Amino acid sequence: MNEMNAADNLPGSFVAHPLDILDRNKLEEAFKANEGFHYLVAAATGGSRAMGNFLEMDMDGFQGSFAKLWGYANAVRYGAHHLNKDGGSAVVLVSGCPARKMKPGYVSLGCVGAAVENLVRYLSQELASHKIRINAVSPGMIDTPLFDGKGDGKAEFLAKATANNPIPRPGSADEVASGILFALENNFVTGTVIDVDGGATVP
């Protein structure tokens, strides 16, 4: 789903401002224009991603995979200054189960996700003095339009990918959203990772 399709599906109370999360100037302009908001959620996937065997991997693609981390860092760095200063403000970054579920072919996603989760742990202490909580939500295999390119094979791919999980099915976007809302609204949670992955990361 591209940014405009996503915007079409938002309720009327939302206003979409499509922008490049790597463009720091545009990002800060958007935050300034909405000064005093309470919640910041970053779920951008970044640019191109490298997949497959590391020893055969395009290293420019591997490096490009970290655009997600830089985008998140930009969002927190420039967004935190414009969050509501009266307390109750929270940030959620979306990582992914490859950060802790080692699987051949997912080294780039795993490294980026682990960096995002460590960013959250470090920033939880720094942002505490600004009365801002920060957490990560780590989805597993989720049935979204990201996999629509597989056509008729989408359902089979998702079923096979989740067959060995304690909850043997893909998750839904609504289930991930519930995890994000919990992290935003629970004022006693910070610096943690909430897994919404059907048990995929259980050893």
Protein backbone atom coordinates (compact mmCIF):
# COMPACT_ATOMS: atom_id res chain seq x y z
CA MET A 1 0.00 0.00 0.00
CA ASN A 2 1.53 3.32 -0.98
CA GLU A 3 1.30 6.46 1.15
CA MET A 4 -1.71 7.89 -0.69
CA ASN A 5 -3.67 4.62 -0.53
CA ALA A 6 -2.98 4.50 3.21
CA ALA A 7 -4.17 8.07 3.61
CA ASP A 8 -7.44 7.21 1.83
CA ASN A 9 -8.17 4.59 4.51
CA LEU A 10 -7.72 6.90 7.51
CA PRO A 11 -10.77 8.12 9.47
CA GLY A 12 -11.89 11.68 8.80
CA SER A 13 -10.32 13.00 12.01
CA PHE A 14 -6.84 12.28 10.65
CA VAL A 15 -4.88 14.47 8.28
CA ALA A 16 -2.12 12.82 6.27
CA HIS A 17 1.14 14.65 5.55
CA PRO A 18 3.20 12.39 3.23
CA LEU A 19 6.92 13.14 3.56
CA ASP A 20 10.32 11.52 3.40
CA ILE A 21 11.34 10.49 6.92
CA LEU A 22 14.97 10.91 5.87
CA ASP A 23 14.39 14.58 4.99
CA ARG A 24 15.17 16.20 8.32
CA ASN A 25 14.08 19.69 7.34
CA LYS A 26 10.66 18.57 6.07
CA LEU A 27 10.26 16.31 9.08
CA GLU A 28 10.89 19.12 11.54
CA GLU A 29 8.54 21.43 9.63
CA ALA A 30 5.78 18.84 9.98
CA PHE A 31 6.41 18.49 13.71
CA LYS A 32 6.40 22.26 14.23
CA ALA A 33 3.12 22.54 12.36
CA ASN A 34 1.56 20.08 14.85
CA GLU A 35 3.22 21.37 18.04
CA GLY A 36 1.98 19.85 21.30
CA PHE A 37 0.95 16.38 20.11
CA HIS A 38 1.13 13.56 22.64
CA TYR A 39 1.99 10.48 20.60
CA LEU A 40 4.63 9.73 17.98
CA VAL A 41 4.62 6.38 16.16
CA ALA A 42 7.28 5.58 13.58
CA ALA A 43 6.57 2.59 11.36
CA ALA A 44 8.30 3.49 8.09
CA THR A 45 10.17 0.60 6.49
CA GLY A 46 12.94 2.71 4.98
CA GLY A 47 14.35 2.31 1.48
CA SER A 48 15.51 -0.78 -0.37
CA ARG A 49 16.19 -3.85 1.73
CA ALA A 50 18.75 -6.57 1.15
CA MET A 51 17.58 -10.15 1.63
CA GLY A 52 19.25 -13.52 1.22
CA ASN A 53 22.60 -15.13 1.98
CA PHE A 54 25.04 -12.65 3.52
CA LEU A 55 28.06 -13.93 1.59
CA GLU A 56 26.22 -13.25 -1.67
CA MET A 57 24.53 -10.04 -0.54
CA ASP A 58 24.69 -6.71 -2.32
CA MET A 59 26.37 -4.63 0.36
CA ASP A 60 24.84 -1.38 -0.90
CA GLY A 61 21.49 -3.06 -0.29
CA PHE A 62 22.57 -4.10 3.21
CA GLN A 63 23.62 -0.53 3.96
CA GLY A 64 20.38 0.78 2.47
CA SER A 65 18.40 -1.41 4.85
CA PHE A 66 19.50 0.88 7.68
CA ALA A 67 17.49 3.77 6.22
CA LYS A 68 14.79 2.55 8.62
CA LEU A 69 17.05 3.20 11.62
CA TRP A 70 18.10 6.65 10.38
CA GLY A 71 14.48 7.55 9.72
CA TYR A 72 13.46 6.52 13.22
CA ALA A 73 16.40 8.40 14.73
CA ASN A 74 15.32 11.51 12.80
CA ALA A 75 11.71 11.14 13.93
CA VAL A 76 12.63 10.94 17.62
CA ARG A 77 15.40 13.54 17.45
CA TYR A 78 13.22 16.20 15.85
CA GLY A 79 9.81 15.07 17.05
CA ALA A 80 10.55 14.89 20.78
CA HIS A 81 11.05 18.65 21.00
CA HIS A 82 7.49 19.22 19.79
CA LEU A 83 5.67 16.67 21.94
CA ASN A 84 3.38 17.93 24.69
CA LYS A 85 5.49 19.17 27.60
CA ASP A 86 2.91 18.45 30.33
CA GLY A 87 3.62 14.71 30.53
CA GLY A 88 1.83 11.71 29.14
CA SER A 89 3.74 11.85 25.86
CA ALA A 90 4.98 8.63 24.30
CA VAL A 91 6.93 7.34 21.31
CA VAL A 92 6.60 3.92 19.69
CA LEU A 93 9.00 2.54 17.10
CA VAL A 94 8.14 -0.59 15.12
CA SER A 95 10.95 -3.15 14.83
CA GLY A 96 10.31 -6.78 13.84
CA CYS A 97 10.87 -10.32 15.11
CA PRO A 98 14.03 -10.91 12.99
CA ALA A 99 15.78 -8.72 15.58
CA ARG A 100 15.76 -11.71 17.95
CA LYS A 101 14.59 -14.64 15.80
CA MET A 102 17.61 -15.71 13.79
CA LYS A 103 16.67 -17.05 10.37
CA PRO A 104 18.88 -17.52 7.30
CA GLY A 105 18.38 -14.77 4.75
CA TYR A 106 17.14 -12.17 7.22
CA VAL A 107 20.48 -10.81 8.47
CA SER A 108 19.84 -7.25 7.27
CA LEU A 109 16.37 -7.07 8.80
CA GLY A 110 17.65 -8.61 12.02
CA CYS A 111 20.54 -6.18 12.38
CA VAL A 112 18.34 -3.16 11.72
CA GLY A 113 15.62 -4.38 14.08
CA ALA A 114 18.15 -5.03 16.86
CA ALA A 115 19.54 -1.51 16.40
CA VAL A 116 16.03 -0.05 16.66
CA GLU A 117 15.33 -1.98 19.85
CA ASN A 118 18.62 -0.85 21.42
CA LEU A 119 17.84 2.73 20.41
CA VAL A 120 14.61 2.43 22.40
CA ARG A 121 16.39 1.07 25.47
CA TYR A 122 18.99 3.84 25.48
CA LEU A 123 16.53 6.63 24.78
CA SER A 124 14.12 5.50 27.50
CA GLN A 125 16.57 6.86 30.08
CA GLU A 126 17.43 10.05 28.21
CA LEU A 127 13.81 10.93 27.40
CA ALA A 128 12.60 10.27 30.95
CA SER A 129 13.81 13.71 32.04
CA HIS A 130 11.56 15.19 29.34
CA LYS A 131 8.56 13.18 30.62
CA ILE A 132 8.52 11.11 27.42
CA ARG A 133 8.18 7.33 27.35
CA ILE A 134 9.49 5.28 24.43
CA ASN A 135 8.88 1.64 23.53
CA ALA A 136 9.13 -0.67 20.55
CA VAL A 137 6.51 -3.01 19.11
CA SER A 138 7.94 -6.02 17.31
CA PRO A 139 5.54 -7.66 14.85
CA GLY A 140 5.97 -11.14 13.47
CA MET A 141 4.58 -12.22 10.11
CA ILE A 142 1.59 -9.92 9.50
CA ASP A 143 -0.98 -10.23 6.71
CA THR A 144 -0.67 -6.85 5.02
CA PRO A 145 -0.60 -5.53 1.43
CA LEU A 146 3.21 -5.82 1.64
CA PHE A 147 2.76 -9.41 0.46
CA ASP A 148 0.19 -8.74 -2.24
CA GLY A 149 2.92 -9.06 -4.85
CA LYS A 150 2.84 -12.81 -4.25
CA GLY A 151 -0.61 -12.91 -5.85
CA ASP A 152 -2.45 -16.21 -5.40
CA GLY A 153 0.50 -17.59 -3.48
CA LYS A 154 0.18 -15.06 -0.66
CA ALA A 155 -1.98 -17.18 1.66
CA GLU A 156 0.23 -20.24 1.17
CA PHE A 157 3.39 -18.22 1.83
CA LEU A 158 2.01 -16.75 5.06
CA ALA A 159 0.70 -20.10 6.26
CA LYS A 160 4.03 -21.81 5.66
CA ALA A 161 5.98 -18.99 7.31
CA THR A 162 3.94 -19.25 10.53
CA ALA A 163 3.20 -23.00 10.65
CA ASN A 164 5.69 -23.68 13.48
CA ASN A 165 4.66 -20.75 15.68
CA PRO A 166 2.71 -21.38 18.91
CA ILE A 167 -0.09 -19.43 17.21
CA PRO A 168 0.20 -20.90 13.71
CA ARG A 169 -1.19 -18.10 11.57
CA PRO A 170 -0.16 -14.65 10.41
CA GLY A 171 -1.19 -11.69 12.54
CA SER A 172 -3.38 -8.81 11.46
CA ALA A 173 -2.67 -5.10 11.26
CA ASP A 174 -5.32 -4.56 13.95
CA GLU A 175 -3.44 -6.86 16.33
CA VAL A 176 -0.23 -4.88 15.82
CA ALA A 177 -2.17 -1.65 16.31
CA SER A 178 -3.47 -2.96 19.64
CA GLY A 179 0.12 -3.47 20.80
CA ILE A 180 1.02 0.05 19.73
CA LEU A 181 -1.97 1.52 21.57
CA PHE A 182 -0.99 -0.37 24.72
CA ALA A 183 2.52 1.07 24.55
CA LEU A 184 1.15 4.57 24.02
CA GLU A 185 -1.49 4.52 26.74
CA ASN A 186 0.13 2.55 29.57
CA ASN A 187 2.04 5.15 31.59
CA PHE A 188 4.06 2.52 33.45
CA VAL A 189 5.78 1.05 30.37
CA THR A 190 8.99 2.41 28.88
CA GLY A 191 12.21 1.07 27.36
CA THR A 192 10.66 -2.27 26.47
CA VAL A 193 9.81 -4.32 23.40
CA ILE A 194 6.29 -5.65 22.99
CA ASP A 195 6.19 -8.76 20.81
CA VAL A 196 3.12 -9.18 18.62
CA ASP A 197 4.35 -12.21 16.74
CA GLY A 198 2.25 -15.28 17.59
CA GLY A 199 5.11 -16.58 19.71
CA ALA A 200 7.62 -16.56 16.85
CA THR A 201 10.45 -15.41 19.13
CA VAL A 202 9.83 -18.09 21.77
CA PRO A 203 13.04 -20.22 21.91
